[in-house]
Amino acid sequence: NKLSKEVYDNTKDFIWTMQLEHNNLFYFYLHITEFAERLFQHSSTRLISQSVEADYEQIALTQFECAQMMLIMKEVFTNVLVHAKAEEVRLQVVKENEIIRLMIADNGKGFDANK
């Protein structure tokens, strides 16, 4: 049922953040991509994600950073699914010098920021 799946997913995410060898950009990106693939699997929204570079494994993330980014990314993807009615959503990571950007873009209906 829905509740047991939610408990399972949240437990899986918690355990994942506790595995210190996974606390880097490479594994974070793989994990969030896997979440998005499961989320959009039975919808009309197509996920497009870039392949992640192996050297991103050298970019360490703290447990706190992993957990917080996971919550943010899951919320964004859920909003795309529920509200945007997008045909496609793109996920990519861009590293420019010391700045890392996780970018999500969709072709959904959007919203009026003035309301």
PDB file of N, CA and C in Angstrom:
ATOM      1  N   ASN A   1       0.829  -1.187   0.000  1.00  0.00           N
ATOM      2  CA  ASN A   1       0.000   0.000   0.000  1.00  0.00           C
ATOM      3  C   ASN A   1       0.871   1.246   0.000  1.00  0.00           C
ATOM      4  N   LYS A   2       0.244   2.390  -0.118  1.00  0.00           N
ATOM      5  CA  LYS A   2       0.960   3.655  -0.267  1.00  0.00           C
ATOM      6  C   LYS A   2       1.795   3.992   0.970  1.00  0.00           C
ATOM      7  N   LEU A   3       1.247   3.791   2.161  1.00  0.00           N
ATOM      8  CA  LEU A   3       1.967   4.121   3.387  1.00  0.00           C
ATOM      9  C   LEU A   3       3.210   3.260   3.556  1.00  0.00           C
ATOM     10  N   SER A   4       3.086   1.963   3.320  1.00  0.00           N
ATOM     11  CA  SER A   4       4.246   1.085   3.473  1.00  0.00           C
ATOM     12  C   SER A   4       5.329   1.422   2.453  1.00  0.00           C
ATOM     13  N   LYS A   5       4.943   1.807   1.240  1.00  0.00           N
ATOM     14  CA  LYS A   5       5.919   2.213   0.229  1.00  0.00           C
ATOM     15  C   LYS A   5       6.631   3.485   0.657  1.00  0.00           C
ATOM     16  N   GLU A   6       5.891   4.428   1.221  1.00  0.00           N
ATOM     17  CA  GLU A   6       6.488   5.682   1.680  1.00  0.00           C
ATOM     18  C   GLU A   6       7.468   5.431   2.828  1.00  0.00           C
ATOM     19  N   VAL A   7       7.082   4.580   3.767  1.00  0.00           N
ATOM     20  CA  VAL A   7       7.978   4.236   4.877  1.00  0.00           C
ATOM     21  C   VAL A   7       9.233   3.567   4.346  1.00  0.00           C
ATOM     22  N   TYR A   8       9.059   2.640   3.407  1.00  0.00           N
ATOM     23  CA  TYR A   8      10.201   1.952   2.807  1.00  0.00           C
ATOM     24  C   TYR A   8      11.140   2.938   2.118  1.00  0.00           C
ATOM     25  N   ASP A   9      10.593   3.825   1.297  1.00  0.00           N
ATOM     26  CA  ASP A   9      11.419   4.794   0.569  1.00  0.00           C
ATOM     27  C   ASP A   9      12.165   5.722   1.522  1.00  0.00           C
ATOM     28  N   ASN A  10      11.471   6.198   2.565  1.00  0.00           N
ATOM     29  CA  ASN A  10      12.121   7.100   3.520  1.00  0.00           C
ATOM     30  C   ASN A  10      13.208   6.380   4.310  1.00  0.00           C
ATOM     31  N   THR A  11      12.974   5.140   4.674  1.00  0.00           N
ATOM     32  CA  THR A  11      13.979   4.355   5.389  1.00  0.00           C
ATOM     33  C   THR A  11      15.171   4.107   4.485  1.00  0.00           C
ATOM     34  N   LYS A  12      14.905   3.777   3.235  1.00  0.00           N
ATOM     35  CA  LYS A  12      15.981   3.546   2.268  1.00  0.00           C
ATOM     36  C   LYS A  12      16.836   4.796   2.107  1.00  0.00           C
ATOM     37  N   ASP A  13      16.212   5.972   2.022  1.00  0.00           N
ATOM     38  CA  ASP A  13      16.958   7.224   1.893  1.00  0.00           C
ATOM     39  C   ASP A  13      17.788   7.498   3.146  1.00  0.00           C
ATOM     40  N   PHE A  14      17.218   7.244   4.317  1.00  0.00           N
ATOM     41  CA  PHE A  14      17.946   7.472   5.566  1.00  0.00           C
ATOM     42  C   PHE A  14      19.174   6.568   5.641  1.00  0.00           C
ATOM     43  N   ILE A  15      18.991   5.302   5.343  1.00  0.00           N
ATOM     44  CA  ILE A  15      20.106   4.353   5.371  1.00  0.00           C
ATOM     45  C   ILE A  15      21.151   4.750   4.346  1.00  0.00           C
ATOM     46  N   TRP A  16      20.711   5.186   3.177  1.00  0.00           N
ATOM     47  CA  TRP A  16      21.645   5.602   2.130  1.00  0.00           C
ATOM     48  C   TRP A  16      22.530   6.749   2.614  1.00  0.00           C
ATOM     49  N   THR A  17      21.957   7.736   3.311  1.00  0.00           N
ATOM     50  CA  THR A  17      22.760   8.873   3.772  1.00  0.00           C
ATOM     51  C   THR A  17      23.733   8.469   4.872  1.00  0.00           C
ATOM     52  N   MET A  18      23.468   7.358   5.558  1.00  0.00           N
ATOM     53  CA  MET A  18      24.351   6.890   6.636  1.00  0.00           C
ATOM     54  C   MET A  18      25.561   6.135   6.091  1.00  0.00           C
ATOM     55  N   GLN A  19      25.523   5.715   4.860  1.00  0.00           N
ATOM     56  CA  GLN A  19      26.638   4.987   4.259  1.00  0.00           C
ATOM     57  C   GLN A  19      27.661   6.002   3.761  1.00  0.00           C
ATOM     58  N   LEU A  20      28.702   6.203   4.544  1.00  0.00           N
ATOM     59  CA  LEU A  20      29.662   7.267   4.263  1.00  0.00           C
ATOM     60  C   LEU A  20      30.318   7.150   2.896  1.00  0.00           C
ATOM     61  N   GLU A  21      30.493   5.929   2.397  1.00  0.00           N
ATOM     62  CA  GLU A  21      31.124   5.778   1.086  1.00  0.00           C
ATOM     63  C   GLU A  21      30.244   6.310  -0.037  1.00  0.00           C
ATOM     64  N   HIS A  22      28.977   6.532   0.250  1.00  0.00           N
ATOM     65  CA  HIS A  22      28.054   7.069  -0.751  1.00  0.00           C
ATOM     66  C   HIS A  22      27.908   8.582  -0.664  1.00  0.00           C
ATOM     67  N   ASN A  23      28.548   9.207   0.295  1.00  0.00           N
ATOM     68  CA  ASN A  23      28.378  10.639   0.492  1.00  0.00           C
ATOM     69  C   ASN A  23      29.298  11.437  -0.426  1.00  0.00           C
ATOM     70  N   ASN A  24      28.986  11.341  -1.705  1.00  0.00           N
ATOM     71  CA  ASN A  24      29.687  12.143  -2.706  1.00  0.00           C
ATOM     72  C   ASN A  24      28.702  12.453  -3.820  1.00  0.00           C
ATOM     73  N   LEU A  25      29.080  13.375  -4.673  1.00  0.00           N
ATOM     74  CA  LEU A  25      28.174  13.854  -5.711  1.00  0.00           C
ATOM     75  C   LEU A  25      27.784  12.758  -6.696  1.00  0.00           C
ATOM     76  N   PHE A  26      28.709  11.875  -7.018  1.00  0.00           N
ATOM     77  CA  PHE A  26      28.452  10.793  -7.959  1.00  0.00           C
ATOM     78  C   PHE A  26      27.299   9.909  -7.472  1.00  0.00           C
ATOM     79  N   TYR A  27      27.404   9.390  -6.253  1.00  0.00           N
ATOM     80  CA  TYR A  27      26.360   8.502  -5.732  1.00  0.00           C
ATOM     81  C   TYR A  27      25.069   9.238  -5.406  1.00  0.00           C
ATOM     82  N   PHE A  28      25.193  10.500  -4.985  1.00  0.00           N
ATOM     83  CA  PHE A  28      23.977  11.273  -4.744  1.00  0.00           C
ATOM     84  C   PHE A  28      23.177  11.411  -6.035  1.00  0.00           C
ATOM     85  N   TYR A  29      23.860  11.758  -7.113  1.00  0.00           N
ATOM     86  CA  TYR A  29      23.182  11.938  -8.397  1.00  0.00           C
ATOM     87  C   TYR A  29      22.544  10.629  -8.864  1.00  0.00           C
ATOM     88  N   LEU A  30      23.250   9.527  -8.705  1.00  0.00           N
ATOM     89  CA  LEU A  30      22.669   8.226  -9.075  1.00  0.00           C
ATOM     90  C   LEU A  30      21.434   7.919  -8.238  1.00  0.00           C
ATOM     91  N   HIS A  31      21.502   8.204  -6.947  1.00  0.00           N
ATOM     92  CA  HIS A  31      20.386   7.910  -6.050  1.00  0.00           C
ATOM     93  C   HIS A  31      19.161   8.765  -6.377  1.00  0.00           C
ATOM     94  N   ILE A  32      19.359  10.055  -6.605  1.00  0.00           N
ATOM     95  CA  ILE A  32      18.219  10.922  -6.906  1.00  0.00           C
ATOM     96  C   ILE A  32      17.648  10.602  -8.280  1.00  0.00           C
ATOM     97  N   THR A  33      18.491  10.193  -9.214  1.00  0.00           N
ATOM     98  CA  THR A  33      18.004   9.780 -10.529  1.00  0.00           C
ATOM     99  C   THR A  33      17.144   8.529 -10.412  1.00  0.00           C
ATOM    100  N   GLU A  34      17.589   7.582  -9.584  1.00  0.00           N
ATOM    101  CA  GLU A  34      16.798   6.365  -9.358  1.00  0.00           C
ATOM    102  C   GLU A  34      15.441   6.708  -8.753  1.00  0.00           C
ATOM    103  N   PHE A  35      15.413   7.632  -7.791  1.00  0.00           N
ATOM    104  CA  PHE A  35      14.146   8.066  -7.199  1.00  0.00           C
ATOM    105  C   PHE A  35      13.233   8.652  -8.278  1.00  0.00           C
ATOM    106  N   ALA A  36      13.768   9.543  -9.100  1.00  0.00           N
ATOM    107  CA  ALA A  36      12.970  10.199 -10.140  1.00  0.00           C
ATOM    108  C   ALA A  36      12.455   9.182 -11.156  1.00  0.00           C
ATOM    109  N   GLU A  37      13.285   8.226 -11.522  1.00  0.00           N
ATOM    110  CA  GLU A  37      12.844   7.185 -12.463  1.00  0.00           C
ATOM    111  C   GLU A  37      11.657   6.411 -11.900  1.00  0.00           C
ATOM    112  N   ARG A  38      11.718   6.056 -10.618  1.00  0.00           N
ATOM    113  CA  ARG A  38      10.593   5.343  -9.984  1.00  0.00           C
ATOM    114  C   ARG A  38       9.354   6.230  -9.926  1.00  0.00           C
ATOM    115  N   LEU A  39       9.548   7.508  -9.604  1.00  0.00           N
ATOM    116  CA  LEU A  39       8.425   8.431  -9.462  1.00  0.00           C
ATOM    117  C   LEU A  39       7.678   8.624 -10.780  1.00  0.00           C
ATOM    118  N   PHE A  40       8.422   8.803 -11.867  1.00  0.00           N
ATOM    119  CA  PHE A  40       7.804   9.098 -13.158  1.00  0.00           C
ATOM    120  C   PHE A  40       7.496   7.850 -13.980  1.00  0.00           C
ATOM    121  N   GLN A  41       7.848   6.701 -13.478  1.00  0.00           N
ATOM    122  CA  GLN A  41       7.725   5.437 -14.208  1.00  0.00           C
ATOM    123  C   GLN A  41       6.335   5.190 -14.785  1.00  0.00           C
ATOM    124  N   HIS A  42       5.296   5.470 -14.030  1.00  0.00           N
ATOM    125  CA  HIS A  42       3.930   5.179 -14.483  1.00  0.00           C
ATOM    126  C   HIS A  42       3.161   6.453 -14.842  1.00  0.00           C
ATOM    127  N   SER A  43       3.905   7.483 -15.195  1.00  0.00           N
ATOM    128  CA  SER A  43       3.257   8.743 -15.567  1.00  0.00           C
ATOM    129  C   SER A  43       3.560   9.036 -17.033  1.00  0.00           C
ATOM    130  N   SER A  44       2.986  10.106 -17.517  1.00  0.00           N
ATOM    131  CA  SER A  44       3.258  10.509 -18.897  1.00  0.00           C
ATOM    132  C   SER A  44       4.474  11.432 -18.979  1.00  0.00           C
ATOM    133  N   THR A  45       5.111  11.701 -17.848  1.00  0.00           N
ATOM    134  CA  THR A  45       6.291  12.562 -17.810  1.00  0.00           C
ATOM    135  C   THR A  45       7.546  11.730 -18.043  1.00  0.00           C
ATOM    136  N   ARG A  46       8.355  12.166 -18.983  1.00  0.00           N
ATOM    137  CA  ARG A  46       9.594  11.449 -19.314  1.00  0.00           C
ATOM    138  C   ARG A  46      10.760  12.134 -18.621  1.00  0.00           C
ATOM    139  N   LEU A  47      11.561  11.354 -17.904  1.00  0.00           N
ATOM    140  CA  LEU A  47      12.759  11.874 -17.243  1.00  0.00           C
ATOM    141  C   LEU A  47      13.941  11.793 -18.198  1.00  0.00           C
ATOM    142  N   ILE A  48      14.650  12.900 -18.317  1.00  0.00           N
ATOM    143  CA  ILE A  48      15.873  12.942 -19.109  1.00  0.00           C
ATOM    144  C   ILE A  48      16.989  13.366 -18.146  1.00  0.00           C
ATOM    145  N   SER A  49      17.943  12.468 -17.941  1.00  0.00           N
ATOM    146  CA  SER A  49      19.047  12.821 -17.051  1.00  0.00           C
ATOM    147  C   SER A  49      20.361  12.564 -17.760  1.00  0.00           C
ATOM    148  N   GLN A  50      21.289  13.464 -17.544  1.00  0.00           N
ATOM    149  CA  GLN A  50      22.598  13.316 -18.165  1.00  0.00           C
ATOM    150  C   GLN A  50      23.365  12.210 -17.451  1.00  0.00           C
ATOM    151  N   SER A  51      24.323  11.648 -18.135  1.00  0.00           N
ATOM    152  CA  SER A  51      25.180  10.677 -17.452  1.00  0.00           C
ATOM    153  C   SER A  51      26.109  11.457 -16.529  1.00  0.00           C
ATOM    154  N   VAL A  52      26.411  10.857 -15.409  1.00  0.00           N
ATOM    155  CA  VAL A  52      27.223  11.530 -14.401  1.00  0.00           C
ATOM    156  C   VAL A  52      28.690  11.142 -14.590  1.00  0.00           C
ATOM    157  N   GLU A  53      29.565  12.096 -14.403  1.00  0.00           N
ATOM    158  CA  GLU A  53      30.986  11.862 -14.610  1.00  0.00           C
ATOM    159  C   GLU A  53      31.592  11.140 -13.407  1.00  0.00           C
ATOM    160  N   ALA A  54      32.452  10.182 -13.672  1.00  0.00           N
ATOM    161  CA  ALA A  54      33.063   9.374 -12.617  1.00  0.00           C
ATOM    162  C   ALA A  54      33.863  10.217 -11.636  1.00  0.00           C
ATOM    163  N   ASP A  55      34.453  11.312 -12.102  1.00  0.00           N
ATOM    164  CA  ASP A  55      35.260  12.121 -11.182  1.00  0.00           C
ATOM    165  C   ASP A  55      34.412  12.854 -10.141  1.00  0.00           C
ATOM    166  N   TYR A  56      33.088  12.850 -10.310  1.00  0.00           N
ATOM    167  CA  TYR A  56      32.210  13.440  -9.296  1.00  0.00           C
ATOM    168  C   TYR A  56      32.247  12.631  -8.007  1.00  0.00           C
ATOM    169  N   GLU A  57      32.779  11.422  -8.068  1.00  0.00           N
ATOM    170  CA  GLU A  57      32.924  10.605  -6.870  1.00  0.00           C
ATOM    171  C   GLU A  57      33.924  11.252  -5.904  1.00  0.00           C
ATOM    172  N   GLN A  58      34.787  12.109  -6.426  1.00  0.00           N
ATOM    173  CA  GLN A  58      35.788  12.789  -5.601  1.00  0.00           C
ATOM    174  C   GLN A  58      35.221  14.019  -4.883  1.00  0.00           C
ATOM    175  N   ILE A  59      33.997  14.404  -5.197  1.00  0.00           N
ATOM    176  CA  ILE A  59      33.380  15.576  -4.571  1.00  0.00           C
ATOM    177  C   ILE A  59      32.563  15.104  -3.374  1.00  0.00           C
ATOM    178  N   ALA A  60      33.141  15.259  -2.206  1.00  0.00           N
ATOM    179  CA  ALA A  60      32.523  14.766  -0.973  1.00  0.00           C
ATOM    180  C   ALA A  60      31.343  15.643  -0.555  1.00  0.00           C
ATOM    181  N   LEU A  61      30.345  15.002   0.018  1.00  0.00           N
ATOM    182  CA  LEU A  61      29.187  15.676   0.593  1.00  0.00           C
ATOM    183  C   LEU A  61      29.033  15.179   2.028  1.00  0.00           C
ATOM    184  N   THR A  62      28.590  16.039   2.913  1.00  0.00           N
ATOM    185  CA  THR A  62      28.335  15.605   4.286  1.00  0.00           C
ATOM    186  C   THR A  62      27.002  14.866   4.341  1.00  0.00           C
ATOM    187  N   GLN A  63      26.791  14.138   5.427  1.00  0.00           N
ATOM    188  CA  GLN A  63      25.501  13.468   5.609  1.00  0.00           C
ATOM    189  C   GLN A  63      24.370  14.492   5.608  1.00  0.00           C
ATOM    190  N   PHE A  64      24.608  15.623   6.247  1.00  0.00           N
ATOM    191  CA  PHE A  64      23.599  16.679   6.308  1.00  0.00           C
ATOM    192  C   PHE A  64      23.279  17.193   4.911  1.00  0.00           C
ATOM    193  N   GLU A  65      24.310  17.463   4.105  1.00  0.00           N
ATOM    194  CA  GLU A  65      24.094  17.950   2.744  1.00  0.00           C
ATOM    195  C   GLU A  65      23.311  16.931   1.919  1.00  0.00           C
ATOM    196  N   CYS A  66      23.685  15.660   2.024  1.00  0.00           N
ATOM    197  CA  CYS A  66      22.968  14.609   1.279  1.00  0.00           C
ATOM    198  C   CYS A  66      21.504  14.558   1.679  1.00  0.00           C
ATOM    199  N   ALA A  67      21.255  14.560   2.975  1.00  0.00           N
ATOM    200  CA  ALA A  67      19.878  14.457   3.457  1.00  0.00           C
ATOM    201  C   ALA A  67      19.044  15.661   3.027  1.00  0.00           C
ATOM    202  N   GLN A  68      19.589  16.863   3.179  1.00  0.00           N
ATOM    203  CA  GLN A  68      18.838  18.066   2.827  1.00  0.00           C
ATOM    204  C   GLN A  68      18.601  18.165   1.324  1.00  0.00           C
ATOM    205  N   MET A  69      19.623  17.869   0.545  1.00  0.00           N
ATOM    206  CA  MET A  69      19.448  17.921  -0.915  1.00  0.00           C
ATOM    207  C   MET A  69      18.459  16.860  -1.376  1.00  0.00           C
ATOM    208  N   MET A  70      18.466  15.694  -0.721  1.00  0.00           N
ATOM    209  CA  MET A  70      17.522  14.640  -1.076  1.00  0.00           C
ATOM    210  C   MET A  70      16.091  15.124  -0.849  1.00  0.00           C
ATOM    211  N   LEU A  71      15.839  15.741   0.291  1.00  0.00           N
ATOM    212  CA  LEU A  71      14.494  16.248   0.580  1.00  0.00           C
ATOM    213  C   LEU A  71      14.064  17.309  -0.434  1.00  0.00           C
ATOM    214  N   ILE A  72      14.966  18.216  -0.763  1.00  0.00           N
ATOM    215  CA  ILE A  72      14.648  19.282  -1.716  1.00  0.00           C
ATOM    216  C   ILE A  72      14.349  18.699  -3.095  1.00  0.00           C
ATOM    217  N   MET A  73      15.219  17.821  -3.567  1.00  0.00           N
ATOM    218  CA  MET A  73      15.045  17.242  -4.901  1.00  0.00           C
ATOM    219  C   MET A  73      13.758  16.414  -4.985  1.00  0.00           C
ATOM    220  N   LYS A  74      13.462  15.647  -3.938  1.00  0.00           N
ATOM    221  CA  LYS A  74      12.237  14.844  -3.941  1.00  0.00           C
ATOM    222  C   LYS A  74      11.007  15.753  -3.990  1.00  0.00           C
ATOM    223  N   GLU A  75      11.051  16.858  -3.276  1.00  0.00           N
ATOM    224  CA  GLU A  75       9.929  17.803  -3.286  1.00  0.00           C
ATOM    225  C   GLU A  75       9.753  18.413  -4.673  1.00  0.00           C
ATOM    226  N   VAL A  76      10.846  18.809  -5.303  1.00  0.00           N
ATOM    227  CA  VAL A  76      10.764  19.406  -6.636  1.00  0.00           C
ATOM    228  C   VAL A  76      10.191  18.400  -7.632  1.00  0.00           C
ATOM    229  N   PHE A  77      10.709  17.172  -7.631  1.00  0.00           N
ATOM    230  CA  PHE A  77      10.204  16.161  -8.564  1.00  0.00           C
ATOM    231  C   PHE A  77       8.729  15.855  -8.314  1.00  0.00           C
ATOM    232  N   THR A  78       8.341  15.789  -7.057  1.00  0.00           N
ATOM    233  CA  THR A  78       6.936  15.525  -6.737  1.00  0.00           C
ATOM    234  C   THR A  78       6.055  16.667  -7.230  1.00  0.00           C
ATOM    235  N   ASN A  79       6.517  17.899  -7.073  1.00  0.00           N
ATOM    236  CA  ASN A  79       5.753  19.053  -7.571  1.00  0.00           C
ATOM    237  C   ASN A  79       5.623  19.022  -9.091  1.00  0.00           C
ATOM    238  N   VAL A  80       6.680  18.628  -9.776  1.00  0.00           N
ATOM    239  CA  VAL A  80       6.612  18.496 -11.238  1.00  0.00           C
ATOM    240  C   VAL A  80       5.538  17.478 -11.605  1.00  0.00           C
ATOM    241  N   LEU A  81       5.544  16.348 -10.928  1.00  0.00           N
ATOM    242  CA  LEU A  81       4.578  15.283 -11.240  1.00  0.00           C
ATOM    243  C   LEU A  81       3.145  15.719 -10.949  1.00  0.00           C
ATOM    244  N   VAL A  82       2.919  16.317  -9.794  1.00  0.00           N
ATOM    245  CA  VAL A  82       1.560  16.627  -9.346  1.00  0.00           C
ATOM    246  C   VAL A  82       1.007  17.908  -9.957  1.00  0.00           C
ATOM    247  N   HIS A  83       1.835  18.935 -10.063  1.00  0.00           N
ATOM    248  CA  HIS A  83       1.321  20.250 -10.443  1.00  0.00           C
ATOM    249  C   HIS A  83       1.680  20.714 -11.853  1.00  0.00           C
ATOM    250  N   ALA A  84       2.865  20.396 -12.325  1.00  0.00           N
ATOM    251  CA  ALA A  84       3.335  20.973 -13.587  1.00  0.00           C
ATOM    252  C   ALA A  84       2.700  20.325 -14.818  1.00  0.00           C
ATOM    253  N   LYS A  85       2.310  19.070 -14.681  1.00  0.00           N
ATOM    254  CA  LYS A  85       1.754  18.340 -15.836  1.00  0.00           C
ATOM    255  C   LYS A  85       2.724  18.382 -17.021  1.00  0.00           C
ATOM    256  N   ALA A  86       4.000  18.216 -16.720  1.00  0.00           N
ATOM    257  CA  ALA A  86       5.042  18.294 -17.733  1.00  0.00           C
ATOM    258  C   ALA A  86       5.106  17.022 -18.572  1.00  0.00           C
ATOM    259  N   GLU A  87       5.489  17.185 -19.830  1.00  0.00           N
ATOM    260  CA  GLU A  87       5.740  16.028 -20.696  1.00  0.00           C
ATOM    261  C   GLU A  87       7.133  15.473 -20.458  1.00  0.00           C
ATOM    262  N   GLU A  88       8.068  16.371 -20.092  1.00  0.00           N
ATOM    263  CA  GLU A  88       9.412  15.906 -19.777  1.00  0.00           C
ATOM    264  C   GLU A  88      10.028  16.772 -18.692  1.00  0.00           C
ATOM    265  N   VAL A  89      10.928  16.154 -17.956  1.00  0.00           N
ATOM    266  CA  VAL A  89      11.689  16.842 -16.922  1.00  0.00           C
ATOM    267  C   VAL A  89      13.151  16.451 -17.100  1.00  0.00           C
ATOM    268  N   ARG A  90      14.014  17.454 -16.998  1.00  0.00           N
ATOM    269  CA  ARG A  90      15.454  17.225 -17.199  1.00  0.00           C
ATOM    270  C   ARG A  90      16.191  17.413 -15.873  1.00  0.00           C
ATOM    271  N   LEU A  91      17.118  16.496 -15.631  1.00  0.00           N
ATOM    272  CA  LEU A  91      17.975  16.569 -14.449  1.00  0.00           C
ATOM    273  C   LEU A  91      19.416  16.584 -14.921  1.00  0.00           C
ATOM    274  N   GLN A  92      20.175  17.531 -14.410  1.00  0.00           N
ATOM    275  CA  GLN A  92      21.592  17.541 -14.749  1.00  0.00           C
ATOM    276  C   GLN A  92      22.383  18.179 -13.619  1.00  0.00           C
ATOM    277  N   VAL A  93      23.641  17.832 -13.578  1.00  0.00           N
ATOM    278  CA  VAL A  93      24.571  18.441 -12.628  1.00  0.00           C
ATOM    279  C   VAL A  93      25.646  19.144 -13.440  1.00  0.00           C
ATOM    280  N   VAL A  94      25.962  20.360 -13.027  1.00  0.00           N
ATOM    281  CA  VAL A  94      26.959  21.159 -13.720  1.00  0.00           C
ATOM    282  C   VAL A  94      27.969  21.633 -12.683  1.00  0.00           C
ATOM    283  N   LYS A  95      29.232  21.411 -12.980  1.00  0.00           N
ATOM    284  CA  LYS A  95      30.302  21.872 -12.098  1.00  0.00           C
ATOM    285  C   LYS A  95      31.088  22.945 -12.830  1.00  0.00           C
ATOM    286  N   GLU A  96      31.104  24.137 -12.250  1.00  0.00           N
ATOM    287  CA  GLU A  96      31.844  25.263 -12.805  1.00  0.00           C
ATOM    288  C   GLU A  96      32.785  25.767 -11.722  1.00  0.00           C
ATOM    289  N   ASN A  97      34.080  25.508 -11.912  1.00  0.00           N
ATOM    290  CA  ASN A  97      35.087  25.837 -10.905  1.00  0.00           C
ATOM    291  C   ASN A  97      34.722  25.119  -9.601  1.00  0.00           C
ATOM    292  N   GLU A  98      34.429  25.855  -8.555  1.00  0.00           N
ATOM    293  CA  GLU A  98      34.080  25.239  -7.269  1.00  0.00           C
ATOM    294  C   GLU A  98      32.572  25.246  -7.005  1.00  0.00           C
ATOM    295  N   ILE A  99      31.788  25.643  -7.996  1.00  0.00           N
ATOM    296  CA  ILE A  99      30.334  25.718  -7.835  1.00  0.00           C
ATOM    297  C   ILE A  99      29.691  24.518  -8.510  1.00  0.00           C
ATOM    298  N   ILE A 100      28.804  23.872  -7.761  1.00  0.00           N
ATOM    299  CA  ILE A 100      28.071  22.714  -8.282  1.00  0.00           C
ATOM    300  C   ILE A 100      26.597  23.096  -8.339  1.00  0.00           C
ATOM    301  N   ARG A 101      25.984  22.862  -9.497  1.00  0.00           N
ATOM    302  CA  ARG A 101      24.558  23.150  -9.661  1.00  0.00           C
ATOM    303  C   ARG A 101      23.826  21.866 -10.020  1.00  0.00           C
ATOM    304  N   LEU A 102      22.821  21.546  -9.244  1.00  0.00           N
ATOM    305  CA  LEU A 102      21.892  20.482  -9.601  1.00  0.00           C
ATOM    306  C   LEU A 102      20.699  21.187 -10.217  1.00  0.00           C
ATOM    307  N   MET A 103      20.424  20.888 -11.469  1.00  0.00           N
ATOM    308  CA  MET A 103      19.396  21.630 -12.188  1.00  0.00           C
ATOM    309  C   MET A 103      18.266  20.709 -12.620  1.00  0.00           C
ATOM    310  N   ILE A 104      17.060  21.172 -12.366  1.00  0.00           N
ATOM    311  CA  ILE A 104      15.854  20.479 -12.796  1.00  0.00           C
ATOM    312  C   ILE A 104      15.055  21.471 -13.631  1.00  0.00           C
ATOM    313  N   ALA A 105      14.682  21.053 -14.820  1.00  0.00           N
ATOM    314  CA  ALA A 105      13.867  21.901 -15.701  1.00  0.00           C
ATOM    315  C   ALA A 105      12.764  21.043 -16.292  1.00  0.00           C
ATOM    316  N   ASP A 106      11.589  21.615 -16.435  1.00  0.00           N
ATOM    317  CA  ASP A 106      10.492  20.870 -17.048  1.00  0.00           C
ATOM    318  C   ASP A 106       9.756  21.762 -18.033  1.00  0.00           C
ATOM    319  N   ASN A 107       8.934  21.158 -18.855  1.00  0.00           N
ATOM    320  CA  ASN A 107       8.148  21.919 -19.824  1.00  0.00           C
ATOM    321  C   ASN A 107       6.684  21.978 -19.410  1.00  0.00           C
ATOM    322  N   GLY A 108       6.466  22.008 -18.115  1.00  0.00           N
ATOM    323  CA  GLY A 108       5.112  22.026 -17.563  1.00  0.00           C
ATOM    324  C   GLY A 108       4.452  23.394 -17.657  1.00  0.00           C
ATOM    325  N   LYS A 109       3.283  23.478 -17.076  1.00  0.00           N
ATOM    326  CA  LYS A 109       2.457  24.671 -17.217  1.00  0.00           C
ATOM    327  C   LYS A 109       2.934  25.852 -16.393  1.00  0.00           C
ATOM    328  N   GLY A 110       3.792  25.651 -15.402  1.00  0.00           N
ATOM    329  CA  GLY A 110       4.316  26.749 -14.613  1.00  0.00           C
ATOM    330  C   GLY A 110       3.281  27.342 -13.669  1.00  0.00           C
ATOM    331  N   PHE A 111       3.625  28.481 -13.073  1.00  0.00           N
ATOM    332  CA  PHE A 111       2.724  29.151 -12.154  1.00  0.00           C
ATOM    333  C   PHE A 111       3.030  30.642 -12.160  1.00  0.00           C
ATOM    334  N   ASP A 112       2.095  31.405 -11.679  1.00  0.00           N
ATOM    335  CA  ASP A 112       2.248  32.853 -11.603  1.00  0.00           C
ATOM    336  C   ASP A 112       2.875  33.190 -10.252  1.00  0.00           C
ATOM    337  N   ALA A 113       4.114  33.682 -10.256  1.00  0.00           N
ATOM    338  CA  ALA A 113       4.830  33.983  -9.023  1.00  0.00           C
ATOM    339  C   ALA A 113       4.222  35.173  -8.292  1.00  0.00           C
ATOM    340  N   ASN A 114       3.377  35.957  -8.956  1.00  0.00           N
ATOM    341  CA  ASN A 114       2.759  37.111  -8.333  1.00  0.00           C
ATOM    342  C   ASN A 114       1.512  36.784  -7.525  1.00  0.00           C
ATOM    343  N   LYS A 115       1.060  35.549  -7.606  1.00  0.00           N
ATOM    344  CA  LYS A 115      -0.153  35.164  -6.873  1.00  0.00           C
ATOM    345  C   LYS A 115       0.203  34.575  -5.539  1.00  0.00           C
TER     346      LYS A 115
END
